[in-house]
C-alpha atoms as a PDB file:
ATOM      1  CA  UNK A   1     -21.040  27.497-128.743  1.00  0.00           C
ATOM      2  CA  UNK A   2     -23.302  24.472-128.572  1.00  0.00           C
ATOM      3  CA  UNK A   3     -21.972  20.990-128.100  1.00  0.00           C
ATOM      4  CA  UNK A   4     -23.641  17.866-129.404  1.00  0.00           C
ATOM      5  CA  UNK A   5     -24.677  15.303-126.847  1.00  0.00           C
ATOM      6  CA  UNK A   6     -22.564  12.171-126.893  1.00  0.00           C
ATOM      7  CA  UNK A   7     -24.725   9.042-127.300  1.00  0.00           C
ATOM      8  CA  UNK A   8     -24.866   6.514-124.478  1.00  0.00           C
ATOM      9  CA  UNK A   9     -22.198   3.801-124.570  1.00  0.00           C
ATOM     10  CA  UNK A  10     -22.584   0.606-126.561  1.00  0.00           C
ATOM     11  CA  UNK A  11     -21.390  -2.784-125.322  1.00  0.00           C
ATOM     12  CA  UNK A  12     -19.310  -2.719-122.129  1.00  0.00           C
ATOM     13  CA  UNK A  13     -16.888  -5.303-123.597  1.00  0.00           C
ATOM     14  CA  UNK A  14     -17.379  -4.822-127.364  1.00  0.00           C
ATOM     15  CA  UNK A  15     -15.613  -7.962-128.580  1.00  0.00           C
ATOM     16  CA  UNK A  16     -17.074 -10.493-126.173  1.00  0.00           C
ATOM     17  CA  UNK A  17     -20.513  -8.928-125.947  1.00  0.00           C
ATOM     18  CA  UNK A  18     -20.801  -8.816-129.759  1.00  0.00           C
ATOM     19  CA  UNK A  19     -19.702 -12.477-129.945  1.00  0.00           C
ATOM     20  CA  UNK A  20     -22.359 -13.494-127.387  1.00  0.00           C
ATOM     21  CA  UNK A  21     -25.029 -11.500-129.176  1.00  0.00           C
ATOM     22  CA  UNK A  22     -24.026 -12.905-132.581  1.00  0.00           C
ATOM     23  CA  UNK A  23     -24.255 -16.465-131.264  1.00  0.00           C
ATOM     24  CA  UNK A  24     -27.695 -15.805-129.764  1.00  0.00           C
ATOM     25  CA  UNK A  25     -28.873 -14.215-133.028  1.00  0.00           C
ATOM     26  CA  UNK A  26     -27.638 -17.219-135.053  1.00  0.00           C
ATOM     27  CA  UNK A  27     -29.377 -19.624-132.663  1.00  0.00           C
ATOM     28  CA  UNK A  28     -32.592 -17.600-132.898  1.00  0.00           C
ATOM     29  CA  UNK A  29     -32.456 -17.685-136.701  1.00  0.00           C
ATOM     30  CA  UNK A  30     -31.825 -21.440-136.687  1.00  0.00           C
ATOM     31  CA  UNK A  31     -34.693 -22.105-134.255  1.00  0.00           C
ATOM     32  CA  UNK A  32     -37.272 -19.352-134.805  1.00  0.00           C
ATOM     33  CA  UNK A  33     -39.871 -20.792-132.420  1.00  0.00           C
ATOM     34  CA  UNK A  34     -37.520 -20.772-129.431  1.00  0.00           C
ATOM     35  CA  UNK A  35     -36.956 -17.671-127.335  1.00  0.00           C
ATOM     36  CA  UNK A  36     -33.360 -16.457-127.099  1.00  0.00           C
ATOM     37  CA  UNK A  37     -32.608 -13.598-124.744  1.00  0.00           C
ATOM     38  CA  UNK A  38     -30.097 -11.124-126.123  1.00  0.00           C
ATOM     39  CA  UNK A  39     -28.489  -8.840-123.584  1.00  0.00           C
ATOM     40  CA  UNK A  40     -27.350  -5.532-124.930  1.00  0.00           C
ATOM     41  CA  UNK A  41     -25.856  -2.327-123.652  1.00  0.00           C
ATOM     42  CA  UNK A  42     -26.851  -1.059-120.209  1.00  0.00           C
ATOM     43  CA  UNK A  43     -28.136   2.272-121.549  1.00  0.00           C
ATOM     44  CA  UNK A  44     -29.693   1.842-125.001  1.00  0.00           C
ATOM     45  CA  UNK A  45     -32.033   4.485-126.381  1.00  0.00           C
ATOM     46  CA  UNK A  46     -35.380   4.069-124.624  1.00  0.00           C
ATOM     47  CA  UNK A  47     -37.388   3.296-127.746  1.00  0.00           C
ATOM     48  CA  UNK A  48     -34.884   0.691-128.960  1.00  0.00           C
ATOM     49  CA  UNK A  49     -34.467  -1.532-125.899  1.00  0.00           C
ATOM     50  CA  UNK A  50     -31.551  -3.769-124.914  1.00  0.00           C
ATOM     51  CA  UNK A  51     -32.304  -6.666-127.262  1.00  0.00           C
ATOM     52  CA  UNK A  52     -32.715  -4.644-130.448  1.00  0.00           C
ATOM     53  CA  UNK A  53     -29.735  -2.490-129.468  1.00  0.00           C
ATOM     54  CA  UNK A  54     -27.611  -5.652-129.225  1.00  0.00           C
ATOM     55  CA  UNK A  55     -28.823  -6.822-132.648  1.00  0.00           C
ATOM     56  CA  UNK A  56     -28.027  -3.410-134.133  1.00  0.00           C
ATOM     57  CA  UNK A  57     -24.556  -3.232-132.574  1.00  0.00           C
ATOM     58  CA  UNK A  58     -23.785  -6.745-133.780  1.00  0.00           C
ATOM     59  CA  UNK A  59     -25.146  -6.732-137.333  1.00  0.00           C
ATOM     60  CA  UNK A  60     -25.205  -3.147-138.620  1.00  0.00           C
ATOM     61  CA  UNK A  61     -22.325  -1.239-140.168  1.00  0.00           C
ATOM     62  CA  UNK A  62     -21.756   1.722-142.472  1.00  0.00           C
ATOM     63  CA  UNK A  63     -22.987  -0.248-145.505  1.00  0.00           C
ATOM     64  CA  UNK A  64     -26.455  -0.739-143.971  1.00  0.00           C
ATOM     65  CA  UNK A  65     -29.518   1.436-144.200  1.00  0.00           C
ATOM     66  CA  UNK A  66     -32.089   1.125-141.433  1.00  0.00           C
ATOM     67  CA  UNK A  67     -35.774   1.923-141.710  1.00  0.00           C
ATOM     68  CA  UNK A  68     -37.136   3.049-138.366  1.00  0.00           C
ATOM     69  CA  UNK A  69     -40.868   2.602-137.971  1.00  0.00           C
ATOM     70  CA  UNK A  70     -43.383   3.132-135.214  1.00  0.00           C
ATOM     71  CA  UNK A  71     -42.053   4.794-132.066  1.00  0.00           C
ATOM     72  CA  UNK A  72     -38.505   4.706-133.443  1.00  0.00           C
ATOM     73  CA  UNK A  73     -39.419   6.968-136.357  1.00  0.00           C
ATOM     74  CA  UNK A  74     -39.764  10.051-134.184  1.00  0.00           C
ATOM     75  CA  UNK A  75     -36.924   9.219-131.774  1.00  0.00           C
ATOM     76  CA  UNK A  76     -33.890  11.331-132.748  1.00  0.00           C
ATOM     77  CA  UNK A  77     -31.855   9.749-129.936  1.00  0.00           C
ATOM     78  CA  UNK A  78     -32.151   6.305-131.549  1.00  0.00           C
ATOM     79  CA  UNK A  79     -31.058   7.522-134.990  1.00  0.00           C
ATOM     80  CA  UNK A  80     -28.078   9.374-133.479  1.00  0.00           C
ATOM     81  CA  UNK A  81     -27.133   6.341-131.347  1.00  0.00           C
ATOM     82  CA  UNK A  82     -27.253   3.989-134.354  1.00  0.00           C
ATOM     83  CA  UNK A  83     -25.232   6.364-136.518  1.00  0.00           C
ATOM     84  CA  UNK A  84     -22.600   6.878-133.804  1.00  0.00           C
ATOM     85  CA  UNK A  85     -22.131   3.205-132.857  1.00  0.00           C
ATOM     86  CA  UNK A  86     -22.713   1.436-136.174  1.00  0.00           C
ATOM     87  CA  UNK A  87     -22.344   4.019-138.934  1.00  0.00           C
ATOM     88  CA  UNK A  88     -25.673   2.847-140.373  1.00  0.00           C
ATOM     89  CA  UNK A  89     -27.821   5.430-142.055  1.00  0.00           C
ATOM     90  CA  UNK A  90     -31.562   5.718-141.581  1.00  0.00           C
ATOM     91  CA  UNK A  91     -34.414   6.470-143.919  1.00  0.00           C
ATOM     92  CA  UNK A  92     -38.040   7.149-143.150  1.00  0.00           C
ATOM     93  CA  UNK A  93     -39.774   5.824-146.254  1.00  0.00           C
ATOM     94  CA  UNK A  94     -40.098   2.191-147.179  1.00  0.00           C
ATOM     95  CA  UNK A  95     -38.281   1.120-150.295  1.00  0.00           C
ATOM     96  CA  UNK A  96     -40.520   0.774-153.356  1.00  0.00           C
ATOM     97  CA  UNK A  97     -39.779  -2.966-153.577  1.00  0.00           C
ATOM     98  CA  UNK A  98     -41.045  -3.563-150.038  1.00  0.00           C
ATOM     99  CA  UNK A  99     -44.654  -3.643-151.270  1.00  0.00           C
ATOM    100  CA  UNK A 100     -44.117  -6.143-154.084  1.00  0.00           C
ATOM    101  CA  UNK A 101     -45.621  -9.607-153.669  1.00  0.00           C
ATOM    102  CA  UNK A 102     -43.315 -12.495-152.868  1.00  0.00           C
ATOM    103  CA  UNK A 103     -42.320 -14.884-155.621  1.00  0.00           C
ATOM    104  CA  UNK A 104     -41.445 -12.344-158.305  1.00  0.00           C
ATOM    105  CA  UNK A 105     -38.749 -13.519-160.689  1.00  0.00           C
ATOM    106  CA  UNK A 106     -36.884 -10.261-160.575  1.00  0.00           C
ATOM    107  CA  UNK A 107     -33.977 -10.189-158.143  1.00  0.00           C
ATOM    108  CA  UNK A 108     -33.417  -6.923-156.340  1.00  0.00           C
ATOM    109  CA  UNK A 109     -30.065  -5.613-155.251  1.00  0.00           C
ATOM    110  CA  UNK A 110     -31.416  -4.477-151.919  1.00  0.00           C
ATOM    111  CA  UNK A 111     -32.246  -7.129-149.405  1.00  0.00           C
ATOM    112  CA  UNK A 112     -33.982  -6.498-146.134  1.00  0.00           C
ATOM    113  CA  UNK A 113     -34.581  -8.125-142.824  1.00  0.00           C
ATOM    114  CA  UNK A 114     -36.993  -7.199-140.091  1.00  0.00           C
ATOM    115  CA  UNK A 115     -36.211  -7.300-136.386  1.00  0.00           C
ATOM    116  CA  UNK A 116     -38.864  -6.885-133.725  1.00  0.00           C
ATOM    117  CA  UNK A 117     -38.718  -6.994-129.983  1.00  0.00           C
ATOM    118  CA  UNK A 118     -41.108  -9.601-128.582  1.00  0.00           C
ATOM    119  CA  UNK A 119     -41.900  -9.667-124.858  1.00  0.00           C
ATOM    120  CA  UNK A 120     -40.632 -12.752-123.085  1.00  0.00           C
ATOM    121  CA  UNK A 121     -43.192 -15.400-122.188  1.00  0.00           C
ATOM    122  CA  UNK A 122     -43.346 -16.473-118.596  1.00  0.00           C
END
């Protein structure tokens, strides 16, 4: 009998850590040119990193679909970790509306946001 590996833990103190991360995310959205460190779980999947893991734990839920690109696309640990902690599903193809030019009059039911990890400036 094989047993599935249990994903690494999420936030150490889920309520307070999610509140801190949410506040940092809101501040970053309000002031996009300023750096805001977001501290996430101690053991996130390697390809995800602590900052993006904190964003995922704070903002994703079972109603979200996540597109994993780049190094995350081939990382099964990240997809399993996201599904376990957030309930979010993943897909590996971009949505057909993602390539449309901005400014179209048609409103789409699916809305997307992009999160990227940016190295801290020193």
